[in-house]
Amino acid sequence: MAENPPLDRVAEIQEAWRRERPDLDPSPQGVIGRLHRVALELTDRLVAVYGQFGLTEGEFDVLATLRRAGAPYERAAGELADHTLVTTGGLTKRVDRLEARRLVERRAEASDARRRIVRLTPDGLDLIDRAFTAHLANEHALLDELGADDTDALERVLTRWLAILDPR
């Protein structure tokens, strides 16, 4: 006879709700609660790698967005905000910190002095290339724990679910 695996924290919470509110079905917590906990764990593990390079998650995001833009590794500040999904105010603080470290530079756009362009410096390019290499190695290691079949299945399900939740 196979033994039941020990209850994880989400299962314990579901069990408590079934006891306290038998009129409700807490089964969605099995997926959403675990997905939320997995996201928190993944964030911790990703942020730890960024920290090895002296970067916060937001700073990594800004540098990676500029790097993905291709040479000359620049974007208008408004575009940068759109690509990093942060407000322009939040972006300004991130760029200020990166500029103080000489990882990015800002300049006025030639055709409109009110518009600012943010560009990676050579030091910024070097740092994001090293940090992104480590980031991908970390992501590969995290997914290797699941195995190829589960990773592929999870990607398909999450892709479909994201398309439902965030249709573009």
N, C-alpha and C. Protein backbone atom coordinates (compact mmCIF):
# COMPACT_ATOMS: atom_id res chain seq x y z
N MET A 1 0.84 -1.18 0.00
CA MET A 1 0.00 0.00 0.00
C MET A 1 0.89 1.25 0.00
N ALA A 2 0.66 2.16 -0.94
CA ALA A 2 1.48 3.37 -1.05
C ALA A 2 1.13 4.34 0.07
N GLU A 3 2.19 4.96 0.58
CA GLU A 3 1.98 5.95 1.62
C GLU A 3 1.60 7.28 0.99
N ASN A 4 0.77 8.06 1.69
CA ASN A 4 0.45 9.40 1.24
C ASN A 4 1.62 10.31 1.56
N PRO A 5 1.97 11.18 0.62
CA PRO A 5 3.07 12.12 0.91
C PRO A 5 2.64 13.06 2.04
N PRO A 6 3.60 13.61 2.77
CA PRO A 6 3.24 14.55 3.83
C PRO A 6 2.57 15.79 3.23
N LEU A 7 1.68 16.39 3.98
CA LEU A 7 0.99 17.58 3.51
C LEU A 7 1.96 18.76 3.43
N ASP A 8 1.89 19.50 2.33
CA ASP A 8 2.66 20.73 2.25
C ASP A 8 1.82 21.85 2.89
N ARG A 9 2.36 23.03 2.96
CA ARG A 9 1.68 24.13 3.64
C ARG A 9 0.35 24.46 2.98
N VAL A 10 0.28 24.40 1.67
CA VAL A 10 -0.97 24.70 0.98
C VAL A 10 -2.02 23.65 1.30
N ALA A 11 -1.64 22.39 1.31
CA ALA A 11 -2.58 21.33 1.65
C ALA A 11 -3.09 21.48 3.09
N GLU A 12 -2.21 21.90 3.98
CA GLU A 12 -2.63 22.14 5.37
C GLU A 12 -3.67 23.26 5.44
N ILE A 13 -3.45 24.31 4.66
CA ILE A 13 -4.39 25.43 4.63
C ILE A 13 -5.73 24.97 4.05
N GLN A 14 -5.69 24.20 2.97
CA GLN A 14 -6.93 23.70 2.38
C GLN A 14 -7.68 22.82 3.37
N GLU A 15 -6.96 21.96 4.05
CA GLU A 15 -7.58 21.07 5.03
C GLU A 15 -8.27 21.89 6.13
N ALA A 16 -7.60 22.93 6.59
CA ALA A 16 -8.18 23.78 7.63
C ALA A 16 -9.46 24.46 7.12
N TRP A 17 -9.44 24.94 5.88
CA TRP A 17 -10.64 25.58 5.34
C TRP A 17 -11.76 24.57 5.15
N ARG A 18 -11.45 23.36 4.74
CA ARG A 18 -12.49 22.33 4.61
C ARG A 18 -13.14 22.05 5.96
N ARG A 19 -12.33 22.05 7.01
CA ARG A 19 -12.85 21.82 8.36
C ARG A 19 -13.69 23.01 8.82
N GLU A 20 -13.18 24.22 8.61
CA GLU A 20 -13.84 25.43 9.13
C GLU A 20 -15.00 25.90 8.26
N ARG A 21 -14.89 25.67 6.95
CA ARG A 21 -15.94 26.11 6.03
C ARG A 21 -16.25 25.00 5.04
N PRO A 22 -16.90 23.92 5.53
CA PRO A 22 -17.20 22.79 4.64
C PRO A 22 -18.15 23.16 3.50
N ASP A 23 -18.76 24.33 3.58
CA ASP A 23 -19.66 24.79 2.52
C ASP A 23 -18.90 25.37 1.32
N LEU A 24 -17.59 25.58 1.47
CA LEU A 24 -16.78 26.15 0.39
C LEU A 24 -15.80 25.11 -0.16
N ASP A 25 -15.44 25.29 -1.42
CA ASP A 25 -14.48 24.40 -2.08
C ASP A 25 -13.13 25.12 -2.21
N PRO A 26 -12.15 24.76 -1.38
CA PRO A 26 -10.84 25.42 -1.45
C PRO A 26 -9.90 24.82 -2.48
N SER A 27 -10.40 24.01 -3.40
CA SER A 27 -9.50 23.35 -4.36
C SER A 27 -8.68 24.32 -5.21
N PRO A 28 -9.18 25.52 -5.58
CA PRO A 28 -8.33 26.42 -6.36
C PRO A 28 -7.02 26.77 -5.65
N GLN A 29 -7.03 26.74 -4.33
CA GLN A 29 -5.80 27.04 -3.59
C GLN A 29 -4.70 26.03 -3.90
N GLY A 30 -5.09 24.83 -4.31
CA GLY A 30 -4.11 23.82 -4.66
C GLY A 30 -3.21 24.26 -5.80
N VAL A 31 -3.79 24.98 -6.76
CA VAL A 31 -3.01 25.49 -7.88
C VAL A 31 -2.50 26.90 -7.58
N ILE A 32 -3.42 27.79 -7.26
CA ILE A 32 -3.05 29.20 -7.12
C ILE A 32 -2.15 29.41 -5.90
N GLY A 33 -2.45 28.77 -4.80
CA GLY A 33 -1.61 28.90 -3.61
C GLY A 33 -0.20 28.38 -3.85
N ARG A 34 -0.12 27.23 -4.50
CA ARG A 34 1.21 26.67 -4.79
C ARG A 34 1.95 27.51 -5.83
N LEU A 35 1.23 27.99 -6.83
CA LEU A 35 1.87 28.84 -7.84
C LEU A 35 2.41 30.11 -7.18
N HIS A 36 1.65 30.68 -6.27
CA HIS A 36 2.10 31.88 -5.57
C HIS A 36 3.35 31.58 -4.73
N ARG A 37 3.34 30.47 -4.03
CA ARG A 37 4.50 30.10 -3.21
C ARG A 37 5.72 29.80 -4.09
N VAL A 38 5.50 29.13 -5.22
CA VAL A 38 6.59 28.87 -6.15
C VAL A 38 7.16 30.20 -6.67
N ALA A 39 6.28 31.15 -7.01
CA ALA A 39 6.75 32.45 -7.51
C ALA A 39 7.60 33.15 -6.46
N LEU A 40 7.20 33.10 -5.21
CA LEU A 40 7.99 33.73 -4.15
C LEU A 40 9.36 33.06 -4.01
N GLU A 41 9.37 31.74 -4.05
CA GLU A 41 10.65 31.01 -3.96
C GLU A 41 11.55 31.32 -5.15
N LEU A 42 10.96 31.34 -6.35
CA LEU A 42 11.75 31.64 -7.53
C LEU A 42 12.32 33.05 -7.47
N THR A 43 11.50 34.00 -7.04
CA THR A 43 11.98 35.38 -6.92
C THR A 43 13.18 35.45 -5.98
N ASP A 44 13.09 34.78 -4.85
CA ASP A 44 14.21 34.77 -3.91
C ASP A 44 15.48 34.23 -4.56
N ARG A 45 15.33 33.16 -5.33
CA ARG A 45 16.50 32.53 -5.96
C ARG A 45 17.05 33.36 -7.12
N LEU A 46 16.18 34.05 -7.83
CA LEU A 46 16.64 34.92 -8.91
C LEU A 46 17.33 36.15 -8.35
N VAL A 47 16.72 36.77 -7.35
CA VAL A 47 17.28 37.97 -6.74
C VAL A 47 18.66 37.70 -6.13
N ALA A 48 18.85 36.50 -5.60
CA ALA A 48 20.15 36.15 -5.02
C ALA A 48 21.26 36.23 -6.08
N VAL A 49 20.95 35.81 -7.30
CA VAL A 49 21.95 35.88 -8.38
C VAL A 49 22.20 37.33 -8.77
N TYR A 50 21.14 38.13 -8.88
CA TYR A 50 21.34 39.55 -9.21
C TYR A 50 22.23 40.20 -8.15
N GLY A 51 22.00 39.84 -6.91
CA GLY A 51 22.77 40.41 -5.81
C GLY A 51 24.25 40.10 -5.91
N GLN A 52 24.61 38.96 -6.50
CA GLN A 52 26.02 38.62 -6.69
C GLN A 52 26.72 39.65 -7.58
N PHE A 53 25.93 40.39 -8.35
CA PHE A 53 26.48 41.39 -9.25
C PHE A 53 26.18 42.81 -8.76
N GLY A 54 25.72 42.89 -7.52
CA GLY A 54 25.42 44.20 -6.92
C GLY A 54 24.18 44.85 -7.49
N LEU A 55 23.26 44.05 -8.01
CA LEU A 55 22.05 44.57 -8.64
C LEU A 55 20.80 44.16 -7.89
N THR A 56 19.82 45.06 -7.89
CA THR A 56 18.49 44.70 -7.43
C THR A 56 17.74 44.09 -8.61
N GLU A 57 16.58 43.55 -8.34
CA GLU A 57 15.76 42.98 -9.42
C GLU A 57 15.41 44.07 -10.44
N GLY A 58 15.03 45.25 -9.97
CA GLY A 58 14.68 46.34 -10.87
C GLY A 58 15.84 46.84 -11.70
N GLU A 59 17.01 46.92 -11.09
CA GLU A 59 18.20 47.36 -11.83
C GLU A 59 18.58 46.34 -12.89
N PHE A 60 18.51 45.06 -12.54
CA PHE A 60 18.76 44.01 -13.52
C PHE A 60 17.80 44.15 -14.69
N ASP A 61 16.52 44.40 -14.39
CA ASP A 61 15.50 44.53 -15.43
C ASP A 61 15.83 45.68 -16.38
N VAL A 62 16.24 46.82 -15.85
CA VAL A 62 16.59 47.98 -16.69
C VAL A 62 17.79 47.64 -17.58
N LEU A 63 18.84 47.11 -17.00
CA LEU A 63 20.04 46.78 -17.78
C LEU A 63 19.73 45.72 -18.84
N ALA A 64 18.95 44.71 -18.48
CA ALA A 64 18.60 43.65 -19.42
C ALA A 64 17.75 44.20 -20.57
N THR A 65 16.85 45.11 -20.26
CA THR A 65 16.01 45.71 -21.29
C THR A 65 16.86 46.51 -22.27
N LEU A 66 17.82 47.27 -21.76
CA LEU A 66 18.72 48.01 -22.65
C LEU A 66 19.57 47.05 -23.48
N ARG A 67 20.03 45.98 -22.87
CA ARG A 67 20.88 45.02 -23.59
C ARG A 67 20.10 44.34 -24.71
N ARG A 68 18.85 44.00 -24.45
CA ARG A 68 18.00 43.36 -25.47
C ARG A 68 17.69 44.28 -26.63
N ALA A 69 17.81 45.59 -26.42
CA ALA A 69 17.50 46.56 -27.48
C ALA A 69 18.49 46.46 -28.63
N GLY A 70 19.65 45.87 -28.39
CA GLY A 70 20.68 45.79 -29.42
C GLY A 70 21.46 47.09 -29.49
N ALA A 71 22.59 47.04 -30.18
CA ALA A 71 23.46 48.22 -30.29
C ALA A 71 22.66 49.36 -30.90
N PRO A 72 22.77 50.54 -30.37
CA PRO A 72 23.72 51.05 -29.37
C PRO A 72 23.24 50.89 -27.92
N TYR A 73 22.35 49.94 -27.66
CA TYR A 73 21.91 49.61 -26.30
C TYR A 73 21.28 50.80 -25.60
N GLU A 74 20.28 51.36 -26.25
CA GLU A 74 19.62 52.53 -25.67
C GLU A 74 18.12 52.48 -25.98
N ARG A 75 17.39 53.21 -25.15
CA ARG A 75 15.95 53.38 -25.35
C ARG A 75 15.57 54.75 -24.80
N ALA A 76 14.51 55.31 -25.36
CA ALA A 76 13.93 56.51 -24.76
C ALA A 76 13.38 56.11 -23.39
N ALA A 77 13.44 57.03 -22.44
CA ALA A 77 13.00 56.72 -21.08
C ALA A 77 11.57 56.20 -21.04
N GLY A 78 10.68 56.78 -21.84
CA GLY A 78 9.29 56.31 -21.87
C GLY A 78 9.18 54.87 -22.37
N GLU A 79 9.94 54.54 -23.41
CA GLU A 79 9.96 53.16 -23.92
C GLU A 79 10.52 52.21 -22.87
N LEU A 80 11.54 52.66 -22.20
CA LEU A 80 12.17 51.83 -21.17
C LEU A 80 11.16 51.51 -20.08
N ALA A 81 10.37 52.49 -19.69
CA ALA A 81 9.33 52.25 -18.68
C ALA A 81 8.33 51.22 -19.18
N ASP A 82 7.93 51.30 -20.44
CA ASP A 82 6.98 50.34 -21.00
C ASP A 82 7.55 48.92 -21.02
N HIS A 83 8.82 48.80 -21.34
CA HIS A 83 9.45 47.49 -21.46
C HIS A 83 9.82 46.87 -20.12
N THR A 84 9.88 47.68 -19.07
CA THR A 84 10.19 47.14 -17.75
C THR A 84 8.96 47.06 -16.88
N LEU A 85 7.83 47.54 -17.36
CA LEU A 85 6.56 47.50 -16.63
C LEU A 85 6.63 48.21 -15.29
N VAL A 86 7.34 49.34 -15.26
CA VAL A 86 7.36 50.18 -14.07
C VAL A 86 6.92 51.58 -14.46
N THR A 87 6.55 52.36 -13.48
CA THR A 87 6.16 53.74 -13.74
C THR A 87 7.40 54.55 -14.10
N THR A 88 7.19 55.66 -14.74
CA THR A 88 8.33 56.51 -15.08
C THR A 88 9.02 57.02 -13.83
N GLY A 89 8.25 57.26 -12.76
CA GLY A 89 8.86 57.67 -11.48
C GLY A 89 9.76 56.59 -10.91
N GLY A 90 9.28 55.36 -10.92
CA GLY A 90 10.09 54.23 -10.44
C GLY A 90 11.30 54.01 -11.31
N LEU A 91 11.12 54.21 -12.60
CA LEU A 91 12.23 54.05 -13.53
C LEU A 91 13.30 55.11 -13.27
N THR A 92 12.88 56.33 -13.01
CA THR A 92 13.83 57.41 -12.77
C THR A 92 14.75 57.06 -11.60
N LYS A 93 14.20 56.52 -10.55
CA LYS A 93 15.01 56.14 -9.38
C LYS A 93 16.01 55.05 -9.73
N ARG A 94 15.57 54.07 -10.49
CA ARG A 94 16.48 52.99 -10.91
C ARG A 94 17.60 53.53 -11.78
N VAL A 95 17.23 54.35 -12.76
CA VAL A 95 18.23 54.90 -13.67
C VAL A 95 19.18 55.81 -12.90
N ASP A 96 18.68 56.58 -11.94
CA ASP A 96 19.56 57.43 -11.11
C ASP A 96 20.63 56.58 -10.44
N ARG A 97 20.23 55.46 -9.85
CA ARG A 97 21.19 54.59 -9.17
C ARG A 97 22.19 53.99 -10.15
N LEU A 98 21.70 53.56 -11.30
CA LEU A 98 22.59 52.96 -12.30
C LEU A 98 23.53 54.01 -12.90
N GLU A 99 23.04 55.21 -13.07
CA GLU A 99 23.88 56.29 -13.60
C GLU A 99 24.97 56.66 -12.58
N ALA A 100 24.62 56.68 -11.31
CA ALA A 100 25.61 56.99 -10.27
C ALA A 100 26.73 55.96 -10.27
N ARG A 101 26.42 54.74 -10.66
CA ARG A 101 27.41 53.66 -10.73
C ARG A 101 28.10 53.60 -12.10
N ARG A 102 27.75 54.52 -12.97
CA ARG A 102 28.31 54.61 -14.33
C ARG A 102 28.00 53.37 -15.18
N LEU A 103 26.82 52.79 -14.95
CA LEU A 103 26.38 51.64 -15.74
C LEU A 103 25.49 52.07 -16.89
N VAL A 104 24.86 53.24 -16.75
CA VAL A 104 24.06 53.83 -17.83
C VAL A 104 24.37 55.32 -17.88
N GLU A 105 24.01 55.92 -19.01
CA GLU A 105 24.10 57.37 -19.13
C GLU A 105 22.81 57.87 -19.75
N ARG A 106 22.46 59.11 -19.42
CA ARG A 106 21.27 59.75 -19.96
C ARG A 106 21.70 60.96 -20.80
N ARG A 107 20.94 61.17 -21.86
CA ARG A 107 21.19 62.36 -22.66
C ARG A 107 19.86 62.80 -23.28
N ALA A 108 19.81 64.05 -23.67
CA ALA A 108 18.63 64.56 -24.35
C ALA A 108 18.61 64.03 -25.77
N GLU A 109 17.43 63.76 -26.28
CA GLU A 109 17.30 63.33 -27.67
C GLU A 109 17.54 64.53 -28.57
N ALA A 110 18.23 64.31 -29.66
CA ALA A 110 18.60 65.42 -30.56
C ALA A 110 17.38 66.17 -31.09
N SER A 111 16.31 65.46 -31.41
CA SER A 111 15.13 66.10 -32.01
C SER A 111 14.18 66.71 -30.98
N ASP A 112 14.33 66.34 -29.70
CA ASP A 112 13.44 66.86 -28.66
C ASP A 112 14.19 66.85 -27.33
N ALA A 113 14.65 68.01 -26.92
CA ALA A 113 15.48 68.11 -25.71
C ALA A 113 14.73 67.69 -24.44
N ARG A 114 13.39 67.65 -24.50
CA ARG A 114 12.63 67.22 -23.32
C ARG A 114 12.65 65.70 -23.16
N ARG A 115 12.93 65.02 -24.24
CA ARG A 115 12.92 63.56 -24.24
C ARG A 115 14.31 63.05 -23.88
N ARG A 116 14.38 62.08 -22.97
CA ARG A 116 15.65 61.54 -22.50
C ARG A 116 15.90 60.15 -23.08
N ILE A 117 17.15 59.91 -23.43
CA ILE A 117 17.60 58.62 -23.92
C ILE A 117 18.48 58.01 -22.83
N VAL A 118 18.27 56.74 -22.54
CA VAL A 118 19.09 56.02 -21.57
C VAL A 118 19.89 54.98 -22.34
N ARG A 119 21.20 54.96 -22.10
CA ARG A 119 22.10 54.06 -22.84
C ARG A 119 23.02 53.32 -21.87
N LEU A 120 23.27 52.05 -22.18
CA LEU A 120 24.27 51.30 -21.43
C LEU A 120 25.65 51.87 -21.68
N THR A 121 26.45 51.96 -20.64
CA THR A 121 27.86 52.30 -20.80
C THR A 121 28.63 51.00 -21.06
N PRO A 122 29.89 51.07 -21.45
CA PRO A 122 30.66 49.84 -21.60
C PRO A 122 30.69 49.01 -20.30
N ASP A 123 30.81 49.67 -19.15
CA ASP A 123 30.77 48.94 -17.88
C ASP A 123 29.41 48.29 -17.66
N GLY A 124 28.35 48.99 -18.03
CA GLY A 124 27.01 48.43 -17.90
C GLY A 124 26.80 47.23 -18.79
N LEU A 125 27.31 47.32 -20.01
CA LEU A 125 27.22 46.21 -20.96
C LEU A 125 27.96 44.99 -20.42
N ASP A 126 29.16 45.20 -19.92
CA ASP A 126 29.94 44.10 -19.36
C ASP A 126 29.21 43.47 -18.17
N LEU A 127 28.67 44.30 -17.29
CA LEU A 127 28.00 43.78 -16.09
C LEU A 127 26.75 43.00 -16.46
N ILE A 128 25.91 43.53 -17.34
CA ILE A 128 24.68 42.81 -17.67
C ILE A 128 24.98 41.52 -18.43
N ASP A 129 26.01 41.52 -19.25
CA ASP A 129 26.36 40.27 -19.94
C ASP A 129 26.78 39.19 -18.94
N ARG A 130 27.56 39.56 -17.94
CA ARG A 130 27.96 38.58 -16.93
C ARG A 130 26.78 38.17 -16.06
N ALA A 131 25.97 39.15 -15.66
CA ALA A 131 24.82 38.86 -14.79
C ALA A 131 23.79 38.01 -15.52
N PHE A 132 23.55 38.30 -16.80
CA PHE A 132 22.56 37.54 -17.54
C PHE A 132 23.02 36.10 -17.79
N THR A 133 24.31 35.92 -18.01
CA THR A 133 24.85 34.56 -18.15
C THR A 133 24.59 33.76 -16.88
N ALA A 134 24.86 34.37 -15.73
CA ALA A 134 24.61 33.70 -14.45
C ALA A 134 23.11 33.48 -14.23
N HIS A 135 22.30 34.45 -14.62
CA HIS A 135 20.85 34.35 -14.48
C HIS A 135 20.30 33.15 -15.26
N LEU A 136 20.73 33.02 -16.52
CA LEU A 136 20.25 31.88 -17.32
C LEU A 136 20.74 30.55 -16.75
N ALA A 137 21.96 30.50 -16.27
CA ALA A 137 22.46 29.27 -15.65
C ALA A 137 21.60 28.92 -14.44
N ASN A 138 21.22 29.92 -13.67
CA ASN A 138 20.36 29.71 -12.50
C ASN A 138 18.99 29.19 -12.93
N GLU A 139 18.40 29.81 -13.96
CA GLU A 139 17.09 29.36 -14.43
C GLU A 139 17.16 27.92 -14.96
N HIS A 140 18.21 27.60 -15.70
CA HIS A 140 18.37 26.22 -16.18
C HIS A 140 18.45 25.25 -15.00
N ALA A 141 19.22 25.59 -13.99
CA ALA A 141 19.36 24.72 -12.81
C ALA A 141 18.02 24.54 -12.10
N LEU A 142 17.25 25.61 -11.98
CA LEU A 142 15.94 25.51 -11.33
C LEU A 142 15.00 24.60 -12.11
N LEU A 143 15.00 24.71 -13.42
CA LEU A 143 14.11 23.88 -14.23
C LEU A 143 14.62 22.45 -14.36
N ASP A 144 15.93 22.27 -14.28
CA ASP A 144 16.48 20.91 -14.33
C ASP A 144 15.93 20.05 -13.20
N GLU A 145 15.56 20.67 -12.08
CA GLU A 145 14.99 19.93 -10.95
C GLU A 145 13.64 19.30 -11.32
N LEU A 146 12.94 19.88 -12.29
CA LEU A 146 11.65 19.34 -12.72
C LEU A 146 11.79 18.25 -13.77
N GLY A 147 12.79 18.37 -14.62
CA GLY A 147 12.93 17.46 -15.75
C GLY A 147 12.27 18.05 -16.99
N ALA A 148 12.67 17.56 -18.13
CA ALA A 148 12.24 18.12 -19.41
C ALA A 148 10.74 17.96 -19.64
N ASP A 149 10.17 16.81 -19.35
CA ASP A 149 8.75 16.58 -19.62
C ASP A 149 7.87 17.52 -18.79
N ASP A 150 8.16 17.62 -17.49
CA ASP A 150 7.37 18.51 -16.64
C ASP A 150 7.58 19.97 -17.02
N THR A 151 8.81 20.34 -17.38
CA THR A 151 9.08 21.71 -17.78
C THR A 151 8.29 22.06 -19.03
N ASP A 152 8.29 21.17 -20.02
CA ASP A 152 7.54 21.42 -21.26
C ASP A 152 6.04 21.52 -20.99
N ALA A 153 5.52 20.62 -20.16
CA ALA A 153 4.09 20.64 -19.83
C ALA A 153 3.72 21.93 -19.08
N LEU A 154 4.55 22.31 -18.15
CA LEU A 154 4.29 23.51 -17.37
C LEU A 154 4.33 24.75 -18.27
N GLU A 155 5.29 24.81 -19.19
CA GLU A 155 5.35 25.94 -20.11
C GLU A 155 4.10 26.04 -20.95
N ARG A 156 3.61 24.91 -21.45
CA ARG A 156 2.38 24.93 -22.27
C ARG A 156 1.19 25.43 -21.46
N VAL A 157 1.02 24.92 -20.26
CA VAL A 157 -0.11 25.33 -19.42
C VAL A 157 -0.02 26.80 -19.06
N LEU A 158 1.16 27.24 -18.64
CA LEU A 158 1.32 28.64 -18.24
C LEU A 158 1.15 29.59 -19.43
N THR A 159 1.61 29.18 -20.60
CA THR A 159 1.44 30.00 -21.80
C THR A 159 -0.04 30.17 -22.11
N ARG A 160 -0.80 29.08 -22.04
CA ARG A 160 -2.24 29.15 -22.30
C ARG A 160 -2.95 30.00 -21.25
N TRP A 161 -2.58 29.82 -19.97
CA TRP A 161 -3.24 30.55 -18.89
C TRP A 161 -2.92 32.04 -18.99
N LEU A 162 -1.67 32.37 -19.29
CA LEU A 162 -1.30 33.78 -19.42
C LEU A 162 -2.05 34.43 -20.57
N ALA A 163 -2.25 33.71 -21.66
CA ALA A 163 -3.00 34.26 -22.79
C ALA A 163 -4.45 34.55 -22.41
N ILE A 164 -5.00 33.76 -21.49
CA ILE A 164 -6.37 33.99 -21.00
C ILE A 164 -6.39 35.20 -20.06
N LEU A 165 -5.43 35.27 -19.16
CA LEU A 165 -5.41 36.34 -18.16
C LEU A 165 -4.93 37.68 -18.72
N ASP A 166 -4.04 37.62 -19.70
CA ASP A 166 -3.43 38.85 -20.24
C ASP A 166 -3.42 38.80 -21.76
N PRO A 167 -4.63 38.84 -22.38
CA PRO A 167 -4.66 38.78 -23.86
C PRO A 167 -4.13 40.09 -24.43
N ARG A 168 -3.24 39.97 -25.39
CA ARG A 168 -2.68 41.18 -26.03
C ARG A 168 -3.06 41.22 -27.47
